[in-house]
Amino acid sequence: MEGAQSERVSFEFDASQYDLGEYSYQIQTDTDERTGTVTIGTPATFQLASLDLDPAPLTQGRELSVTAVVRNTGDVAGEQTITARIEEETAARSRVETTAVELAGNDSHTVTLGFNTAGLDPGTYVLTVEVGEATRETEITVEPEGDSEANDSGAGDTGNETDPSADDTGVGFGVVGGLAGASAAGYLVQRRLTAEVSRRTETAGERRK
């Protein structure tokens, strides 16, 4: 190589031949020398940390949001595709949504995929989420349009409620019973007073004779 020129030289090593850890390296020429360190860590490995569906259950025609937390448990950065799939057995087809994430080692990220459920018949479907070699399946329920509103209104009627008619009836009978008892007592008092007055009148008459 002539003076005032440069050339890039690359060296490759098979990291799988070494244990995990930190290693020192040295690059040497006739007139110069450089040293440094290199770390051999676990490769990027992606896992599905959590999965959330909204809404659940799902009303026919509404959009389904699939939120997943993806984690790279490796030491090295990497990129991974996340795939969510709803299997339609009756139509022999799948609805698929995908997105890609790039994560540093030991990092995590939240991704959200949306499904348009227009055309999905009411029923139960299998939702599959794939993150690398990790796969998770869960069931989603699609209800007919209008069912959720009916359920919501019905739920309010069946809460912690009491029967007002039972309470009112009990109170009513108590008041009526009390009034009836008071009337009966008054009638007896009136009869006693009348009988007493009659006896006194008869006694007074006998004395005049």
Protein backbone atom coordinates (compact mmCIF):
# COMPACT_ATOMS: atom_id res chain seq x y z
CA MET A 1 0.00 0.00 0.00
CA GLU A 2 1.42 3.38 -1.02
CA GLY A 3 1.92 6.25 1.35
CA ALA A 4 -1.05 8.41 2.41
CA GLN A 5 -3.48 5.58 1.62
CA SER A 6 -5.72 3.51 3.87
CA GLU A 7 -7.61 0.26 3.63
CA ARG A 8 -10.32 -1.26 5.80
CA VAL A 9 -9.63 -4.76 7.05
CA SER A 10 -12.22 -6.97 8.77
CA PHE A 11 -11.80 -9.97 11.02
CA GLU A 12 -14.59 -12.40 11.86
CA PHE A 13 -14.83 -14.77 14.80
CA ASP A 14 -17.47 -17.39 15.51
CA ALA A 15 -18.93 -16.18 18.81
CA SER A 16 -20.70 -19.51 19.34
CA GLN A 17 -17.31 -21.04 20.07
CA TYR A 18 -16.87 -18.87 23.15
CA ASP A 19 -18.58 -18.72 26.51
CA LEU A 20 -20.59 -15.68 27.49
CA GLY A 21 -18.46 -12.92 28.95
CA GLU A 22 -15.98 -10.16 28.21
CA TYR A 23 -12.84 -10.74 26.14
CA SER A 24 -9.78 -8.64 25.30
CA TYR A 25 -8.54 -8.29 21.75
CA GLN A 26 -5.38 -6.89 20.17
CA ILE A 27 -4.76 -5.64 16.64
CA GLN A 28 -1.11 -5.18 15.69
CA THR A 29 0.78 -3.97 12.65
CA ASP A 30 4.48 -3.44 12.05
CA THR A 31 4.27 0.10 13.34
CA ASP A 32 1.14 0.29 15.51
CA GLU A 33 -0.94 -1.64 18.01
CA ARG A 34 -4.54 -1.30 19.28
CA THR A 35 -6.31 -3.14 22.07
CA GLY A 36 -9.87 -3.27 23.31
CA THR A 37 -12.60 -5.48 24.78
CA VAL A 38 -15.60 -7.21 23.33
CA THR A 39 -18.57 -8.71 25.17
CA ILE A 40 -20.24 -11.91 24.04
CA GLY A 41 -23.83 -11.95 25.28
CA THR A 42 -27.00 -13.89 24.62
CA PRO A 43 -28.59 -13.20 21.23
CA ALA A 44 -31.80 -11.22 20.92
CA THR A 45 -34.68 -13.33 22.21
CA PHE A 46 -38.20 -11.93 22.05
CA GLN A 47 -41.02 -12.91 24.39
CA LEU A 48 -44.64 -11.88 24.82
CA ALA A 49 -44.81 -10.46 28.34
CA SER A 50 -48.54 -9.64 28.41
CA LEU A 51 -51.60 -9.53 26.19
CA ASP A 52 -54.73 -7.38 26.57
CA LEU A 53 -57.91 -7.24 24.48
CA ASP A 54 -60.30 -4.29 24.36
CA PRO A 55 -63.24 -4.47 24.40
CA ALA A 56 -64.02 -7.93 25.76
CA PRO A 57 -66.55 -9.24 24.96
CA LEU A 58 -66.67 -7.63 21.55
CA THR A 59 -69.79 -6.26 19.86
CA GLN A 60 -70.19 -7.13 16.20
CA GLY A 61 -68.81 -4.37 13.97
CA ARG A 62 -66.62 -2.68 16.61
CA GLU A 63 -62.83 -2.50 16.34
CA LEU A 64 -60.81 -4.90 18.46
CA SER A 65 -57.56 -3.57 19.93
CA VAL A 66 -54.87 -6.14 20.70
CA THR A 67 -52.19 -4.68 23.00
CA ALA A 68 -49.04 -6.70 23.62
CA VAL A 69 -45.93 -6.03 25.68
CA VAL A 70 -42.89 -7.46 23.87
CA ARG A 71 -39.59 -7.98 25.69
CA ASN A 72 -36.11 -8.72 24.40
CA THR A 73 -34.56 -10.93 27.06
CA GLY A 74 -31.24 -11.17 25.23
CA ASP A 75 -28.16 -9.00 25.65
CA VAL A 76 -27.96 -8.00 21.99
CA ALA A 77 -30.29 -5.66 20.11
CA GLY A 78 -32.59 -7.17 17.52
CA GLU A 79 -35.70 -6.73 15.40
CA GLN A 80 -38.82 -8.87 15.54
CA THR A 81 -42.18 -9.07 13.75
CA ILE A 82 -45.36 -9.42 15.83
CA THR A 83 -48.27 -11.17 14.13
CA ALA A 84 -51.87 -11.32 15.35
CA ARG A 85 -54.35 -13.63 13.62
CA ILE A 86 -58.07 -14.34 13.97
CA GLU A 87 -59.08 -17.69 12.51
CA GLU A 88 -62.45 -17.76 10.70
CA GLU A 89 -63.25 -21.44 10.45
CA THR A 90 -66.59 -20.95 8.72
CA ALA A 91 -64.98 -18.80 6.02
CA ALA A 92 -61.77 -20.88 5.92
CA ARG A 93 -59.64 -17.76 6.15
CA SER A 94 -57.68 -15.65 8.63
CA ARG A 95 -57.58 -11.98 9.46
CA VAL A 96 -53.95 -11.01 9.99
CA GLU A 97 -52.30 -7.86 11.35
CA THR A 98 -48.52 -7.40 11.72
CA THR A 99 -46.03 -4.87 13.03
CA ALA A 100 -42.27 -4.87 13.68
CA VAL A 101 -40.25 -3.69 16.68
CA GLU A 102 -36.53 -3.12 17.24
CA LEU A 103 -35.36 -3.46 20.81
CA ALA A 104 -32.08 -3.16 22.63
CA GLY A 105 -31.00 -5.96 24.92
CA ASN A 106 -33.17 -6.41 28.03
CA ASP A 107 -35.65 -3.82 26.76
CA SER A 108 -39.43 -3.96 26.27
CA HIS A 109 -42.02 -2.16 24.17
CA THR A 110 -45.83 -1.99 23.95
CA VAL A 111 -47.47 -2.49 20.55
CA THR A 112 -51.15 -2.28 19.58
CA LEU A 113 -52.80 -3.97 16.61
CA GLY A 114 -56.36 -3.18 15.49
CA PHE A 115 -58.88 -5.53 13.89
CA ASN A 116 -61.98 -4.42 12.01
CA THR A 117 -64.65 -6.96 12.98
CA ALA A 118 -67.13 -5.98 10.28
CA GLY A 119 -68.31 -9.20 8.64
CA LEU A 120 -67.49 -11.41 11.63
CA ASP A 121 -70.51 -13.48 12.59
CA PRO A 122 -71.43 -13.64 16.28
CA GLY A 123 -69.60 -16.46 18.01
CA THR A 124 -66.28 -17.49 19.54
CA TYR A 125 -62.99 -17.19 17.66
CA VAL A 126 -59.36 -18.06 18.37
CA LEU A 127 -56.90 -15.15 18.42
CA THR A 128 -53.25 -16.13 17.94
CA VAL A 129 -50.37 -13.76 18.67
CA GLU A 130 -46.86 -14.73 17.51
CA VAL A 131 -43.65 -13.06 18.67
CA GLY A 132 -40.69 -14.94 17.25
CA GLU A 133 -40.94 -18.50 18.55
CA ALA A 134 -43.36 -17.45 21.30
CA THR A 135 -47.04 -18.05 20.54
CA ARG A 136 -50.10 -17.32 22.64
CA GLU A 137 -53.71 -18.23 21.88
CA THR A 138 -56.85 -16.83 23.47
CA GLU A 139 -60.56 -16.86 22.69
CA ILE A 140 -62.58 -13.80 21.75
CA THR A 141 -66.37 -13.60 21.83
CA VAL A 142 -68.27 -11.56 19.25
CA GLU A 143 -71.78 -10.64 20.38
CA PRO A 144 -74.62 -9.54 18.07
CA GLU A 145 -74.96 -5.79 17.71
CA GLY A 146 -77.25 -4.41 20.42
CA ASP A 147 -76.73 -7.29 22.87
CA SER A 148 -74.17 -5.42 24.94
CA GLU A 149 -76.52 -2.43 25.38
CA ALA A 150 -79.31 -4.73 26.50
CA ASN A 151 -76.97 -6.46 28.92
CA ASP A 152 -75.81 -3.11 30.31
CA SER A 153 -79.38 -1.94 30.95
CA GLY A 154 -80.30 -5.30 32.45
CA ALA A 155 -77.26 -5.26 34.68
CA GLY A 156 -78.48 -2.06 36.30
CA ASP A 157 -81.83 -3.65 37.13
CA THR A 158 -80.25 -6.70 38.78
CA GLY A 159 -77.82 -4.94 41.08
CA ASN A 160 -78.05 -4.74 44.86
CA GLU A 161 -81.63 -3.76 44.88
CA THR A 162 -84.56 -4.24 47.28
CA ASP A 163 -88.21 -4.86 46.59
CA PRO A 164 -90.02 -1.62 47.53
CA SER A 165 -93.43 -3.29 47.32
CA ALA A 166 -92.49 -5.72 50.08
CA ASP A 167 -91.39 -2.89 52.39
CA ASP A 168 -94.40 -0.70 51.58
CA THR A 169 -96.75 -3.62 52.08
CA GLY A 170 -95.29 -4.41 55.47
CA VAL A 171 -95.53 -0.78 56.57
CA GLY A 172 -99.08 -0.50 55.22
CA PHE A 173 -100.30 -3.50 57.14
CA GLY A 174 -98.70 -2.14 60.30
CA VAL A 175 -100.44 1.23 59.97
CA VAL A 176 -103.78 -0.33 59.12
CA GLY A 177 -103.41 -2.80 61.99
CA GLY A 178 -102.59 0.06 64.36
CA LEU A 179 -105.59 2.09 63.22
CA ALA A 180 -107.86 -0.93 63.49
CA GLY A 181 -106.61 -1.61 67.02
CA ALA A 182 -107.14 2.03 68.04
CA SER A 183 -110.66 2.02 66.60
CA ALA A 184 -111.51 -1.20 68.47
CA ALA A 185 -110.18 0.22 71.72
CA GLY A 186 -112.19 3.40 71.23
CA TYR A 187 -115.33 1.39 70.56
CA LEU A 188 -114.86 -0.61 73.77
CA VAL A 189 -114.32 2.56 75.82
CA GLN A 190 -117.46 4.08 74.30
CA ARG A 191 -119.50 0.98 75.19
CA ARG A 192 -118.22 1.05 78.77
CA LEU A 193 -119.10 4.75 79.16
CA THR A 194 -122.60 4.15 77.77
CA ALA A 195 -123.18 1.23 80.10
CA GLU A 196 -121.99 3.30 83.09
CA VAL A 197 -124.30 6.19 82.22
CA SER A 198 -127.24 3.78 81.84
CA ARG A 199 -126.57 2.25 85.25
CA ARG A 200 -126.37 5.69 86.88
CA THR A 201 -129.64 6.78 85.25
CA GLU A 202 -131.42 3.66 86.52
CA THR A 203 -130.10 4.24 90.06
CA ALA A 204 -131.24 7.84 90.08
CA GLY A 205 -134.72 6.78 88.95
CA GLU A 206 -135.03 4.25 91.72
CA ARG A 207 -134.12 6.90 94.32
CA ARG A 208 -136.85 9.28 93.09
CA LYS A 209 -139.41 6.51 93.56
